[in-house]
Amino acid sequence: MKISGLKVGGRTLKTVVAVFLCLLTGIVRKSDTAFYAAIAAVLCVQRTSEDSFREAFNREVTTVIGGICGMLVLVFERNIYCVPYEVSRCLLFSVLFIPIINFFVLIKQEKGTFLMCVVFLCITVTHGNDGNPLAFGIARIIDTTVGIAIALVINQFSFCGSKEPSHMD
């Protein structure tokens, strides 16, 4: 499909549809974090279904583990020991990357390490002072899962007679 001289391929159209459905689903669900579903959809719409499933698995694992680690740190900080100085908090969050990254290496998920670090930081740093950061962490994981599911479904369809493979061989 050509729009004003621009070629729009099947994968681009799939990404647009997946993002639209993620944002629409967020409205229906009254989710404040549908943005994360859209991000997951962008990452998971791949050239082939096989690539999409691989990326989806990686994204789900990294989001769940990064989210759980972030929420555990916040539970510790709120209920057991509140780190008194902002500099100490920054140091703690940074040092915690050592066991988290080593865990990812142990479970052979090295490729997803950067995503896990982003999710961990998003929960601990960006939303650590929220009224209920655990609710945010759970919503973050749910929205990522929604985005992944939408992307996997959309990637099964062929758009505009695309020659891109849409199904696993």
Protein backbone atom coordinates (compact mmCIF):
# COMPACT_ATOMS: atom_id res chain seq x y z
CA MET A 1 0.00 0.00 0.00
CA LYS A 2 1.33 3.46 -0.89
CA ILE A 3 0.34 6.62 0.94
CA SER A 4 1.63 9.86 -0.63
CA GLY A 5 4.74 8.17 -1.97
CA LEU A 6 5.38 6.20 1.23
CA LYS A 7 5.30 2.43 1.05
CA VAL A 8 3.44 0.91 3.98
CA GLY A 9 4.15 -2.78 4.43
CA GLY A 10 2.21 -5.50 6.15
CA ARG A 11 4.26 -5.44 9.33
CA THR A 12 3.75 -1.69 9.65
CA LEU A 13 0.00 -2.09 9.24
CA LYS A 14 -0.04 -4.92 11.77
CA THR A 15 1.83 -2.73 14.24
CA VAL A 16 -0.61 0.15 13.72
CA VAL A 17 -3.62 -2.13 14.23
CA ALA A 18 -2.07 -3.80 17.30
CA VAL A 19 -1.23 -0.45 18.93
CA PHE A 20 -4.73 0.88 18.19
CA LEU A 21 -6.31 -2.22 19.73
CA CYS A 22 -4.04 -1.97 22.80
CA LEU A 23 -4.99 1.65 23.39
CA LEU A 24 -8.68 0.91 22.74
CA THR A 25 -8.53 -2.03 25.15
CA GLY A 26 -6.96 0.31 27.71
CA ILE A 27 -9.91 2.68 27.38
CA VAL A 28 -12.40 -0.16 27.81
CA ARG A 29 -10.45 -1.52 30.80
CA LYS A 30 -10.01 2.00 32.21
CA SER A 31 -6.27 1.32 32.38
CA ASP A 32 -3.83 4.12 33.08
CA THR A 33 -1.00 1.94 31.79
CA ALA A 34 -2.21 0.96 28.30
CA PHE A 35 0.94 2.66 27.04
CA TYR A 36 2.84 -0.45 28.17
CA ALA A 37 0.51 -2.71 26.22
CA ALA A 38 1.22 -0.63 23.11
CA ILE A 39 4.98 -0.88 23.70
CA ALA A 40 4.72 -4.66 24.06
CA ALA A 41 2.71 -4.85 20.83
CA VAL A 42 5.31 -2.80 18.94
CA LEU A 43 8.06 -5.11 20.15
CA CYS A 44 6.13 -8.32 19.50
CA VAL A 45 4.85 -7.71 15.98
CA GLN A 46 7.69 -9.33 14.10
CA ARG A 47 8.34 -10.51 10.56
CA THR A 48 7.12 -14.04 11.25
CA SER A 49 4.83 -15.64 13.80
CA GLU A 50 7.78 -17.66 15.07
CA ASP A 51 9.77 -14.48 15.68
CA SER A 52 6.72 -12.91 17.34
CA PHE A 53 6.29 -15.85 19.71
CA ARG A 54 9.99 -15.76 20.59
CA GLU A 55 9.85 -12.02 21.28
CA ALA A 56 6.57 -12.38 23.19
CA PHE A 57 7.99 -15.07 25.46
CA ASN A 58 11.08 -12.96 26.10
CA ARG A 59 8.98 -9.86 26.80
CA GLU A 60 6.62 -11.67 29.17
CA VAL A 61 9.42 -13.31 31.15
CA THR A 62 11.36 -10.05 31.49
CA THR A 63 8.29 -8.06 32.47
CA VAL A 64 7.13 -10.55 35.09
CA ILE A 65 10.56 -11.02 36.66
CA GLY A 66 11.47 -7.31 36.51
CA GLY A 67 8.04 -6.41 37.87
CA ILE A 68 8.18 -8.90 40.72
CA CYS A 69 11.71 -7.81 41.66
CA GLY A 70 10.68 -4.16 41.62
CA MET A 71 7.58 -4.82 43.70
CA LEU A 72 9.56 -6.90 46.22
CA VAL A 73 12.04 -4.05 46.67
CA LEU A 74 9.20 -1.60 47.28
CA VAL A 75 7.48 -3.94 49.74
CA PHE A 76 10.78 -4.28 51.60
CA GLU A 77 11.31 -0.55 51.56
CA ARG A 78 7.80 0.29 52.78
CA ASN A 79 7.38 -2.46 55.36
CA ILE A 80 10.82 -3.44 56.63
CA TYR A 81 13.39 -0.75 56.06
CA CYS A 82 12.95 2.59 54.36
CA VAL A 83 16.22 3.66 52.75
CA PRO A 84 16.77 7.09 54.35
CA TYR A 85 18.72 9.00 51.70
CA GLU A 86 18.01 9.42 48.02
CA VAL A 87 21.65 8.69 47.13
CA SER A 88 21.47 5.45 49.13
CA ARG A 89 18.29 4.48 47.28
CA CYS A 90 20.00 5.07 43.93
CA LEU A 91 22.94 2.95 45.03
CA LEU A 92 20.64 0.18 46.28
CA PHE A 93 18.65 0.05 43.05
CA SER A 94 21.84 0.02 40.99
CA VAL A 95 23.53 -2.71 43.07
CA LEU A 96 20.39 -4.85 42.91
CA PHE A 97 21.06 -5.22 39.19
CA ILE A 98 23.88 -7.64 40.06
CA PRO A 99 21.69 -10.48 41.40
CA ILE A 100 18.87 -9.73 38.97
CA ILE A 101 21.14 -9.79 35.91
CA ASN A 102 22.92 -12.89 37.22
CA PHE A 103 19.54 -14.59 37.61
CA PHE A 104 18.75 -13.81 33.97
CA VAL A 105 22.07 -15.29 32.90
CA LEU A 106 21.34 -18.37 35.03
CA ILE A 107 17.97 -18.93 33.34
CA LYS A 108 19.51 -18.23 29.91
CA GLN A 109 17.48 -15.08 29.21
CA GLU A 110 20.42 -12.74 28.57
CA LYS A 111 18.67 -11.16 25.58
CA GLY A 112 15.92 -9.80 27.82
CA THR A 113 18.18 -8.37 30.49
CA PHE A 114 17.81 -4.79 29.31
CA LEU A 115 13.99 -5.04 29.26
CA MET A 116 13.98 -6.49 32.75
CA CYS A 117 16.19 -3.64 33.96
CA VAL A 118 13.81 -1.10 32.39
CA VAL A 119 10.76 -2.69 34.07
CA PHE A 120 12.58 -2.88 37.42
CA LEU A 121 13.58 0.79 37.23
CA CYS A 122 10.17 1.85 35.98
CA ILE A 123 8.55 0.34 39.06
CA THR A 124 11.14 1.24 41.69
CA VAL A 125 12.28 4.66 40.53
CA THR A 126 9.43 6.13 38.52
CA HIS A 127 6.55 4.79 40.63
CA GLY A 128 8.22 4.08 43.97
CA ASN A 129 6.56 7.08 45.60
CA ASP A 130 3.08 6.39 44.22
CA GLY A 131 0.24 5.85 46.67
CA ASN A 132 0.12 2.20 45.63
CA PRO A 133 3.17 1.20 43.58
CA LEU A 134 2.24 -2.48 43.85
CA ALA A 135 -1.00 -1.78 41.99
CA PHE A 136 1.07 -0.06 39.31
CA GLY A 137 3.43 -3.05 39.10
CA ILE A 138 0.57 -5.48 38.68
CA ALA A 139 -1.15 -3.22 36.12
CA ARG A 140 2.16 -2.94 34.26
CA ILE A 141 2.48 -6.71 34.01
CA ILE A 142 -1.18 -7.14 32.97
CA ASP A 143 -0.96 -4.45 30.29
CA THR A 144 2.22 -5.93 28.86
CA THR A 145 0.49 -9.31 28.70
CA VAL A 146 -2.51 -7.73 26.94
CA GLY A 147 -0.20 -6.07 24.39
CA ILE A 148 1.62 -9.34 23.77
CA ALA A 149 -1.64 -11.24 23.25
CA ILE A 150 -2.98 -8.63 20.83
CA ALA A 151 0.28 -8.60 18.87
CA LEU A 152 0.33 -12.39 18.59
CA VAL A 153 -3.24 -12.49 17.30
CA ILE A 154 -2.73 -9.62 14.83
CA ASN A 155 0.51 -11.14 13.55
CA GLN A 156 -1.43 -14.21 12.38
CA PHE A 157 -3.15 -12.16 9.67
CA SER A 158 -1.80 -11.10 6.30
CA PHE A 159 -2.37 -7.43 5.54
CA CYS A 160 -2.61 -5.94 2.01
CA GLY A 161 -1.48 -9.06 0.22
CA SER A 162 1.83 -8.81 2.07
CA LYS A 163 4.49 -11.29 1.04
CA GLU A 164 5.77 -11.33 4.61
CA PRO A 165 5.30 -14.73 6.23
CA SER A 166 2.50 -14.51 8.77
CA HIS A 167 2.35 -18.07 10.03
CA MET A 168 4.89 -20.43 11.44
CA ASP A 169 6.28 -22.86 8.92
